[in-house]
Amino acid sequence: MSSEQDALVILAEKIHGKLAGDIAKLLKEHGEITDDDIAKILKIDVSDVRRTLNLMFEARLVKYRRARDEKIGWYKYFWRLTEEPAYQILEDRKRMAIKVLETRLRYEENNEYFICPKCKKRYTFDEADDYGYTCPECGELLEPYDNTVDIEILREAIEKLKAYNPLQISS
């Protein structure tokens, strides 16, 4: 078993929780195994296993092949850990996260906001104007909201992500 597979097991648990980590460990041990067999070994409902496997598939942590069961005519799915390097998966997730944060940053920088002092719901200038600067939830008068801190938090998060190197081992 390679250290690459160990990294995939760790990633699965960090991204999707303990069940995903347990499933990844089984896939590492067995190479290829059906969702039914995973459910039996872990003593959990097969629908929970399938849901988690699908999340892991979307995250590119696992792959599958399907084969028709000649007895019942249904497809069986045989799951295995991906051959894709964990580093590449992390880099792609990092790139996507940066893109989402940069989109949010542009939105924050290009809008003015108002906030309800009572229920703390935040509205853009256009929304506040549409509501007559009155909270549609509780009727309180909306107050201007300074999003400078929010913008700074987004900038710092983007910079930290850009500087992050998944291969760097921290001491």
Foldseek 3Di string as FASTA:
>chain_A
DDVQLVLLLVVLCVVPHDLSSLVSVVLVVPVKDWLVVSCVVVVHDSVVSVVSVVVCVVLQQKDWDWDADVVVRDIIIIMHGHPDGPQVSLVVVLVVVLVVLVVVLVVVVPWWWWAFPPPGDIDTPVVCVVVVQADPVPGGRIGTDDCPVVNVVSVVVSVVSVPDRVVDDDD
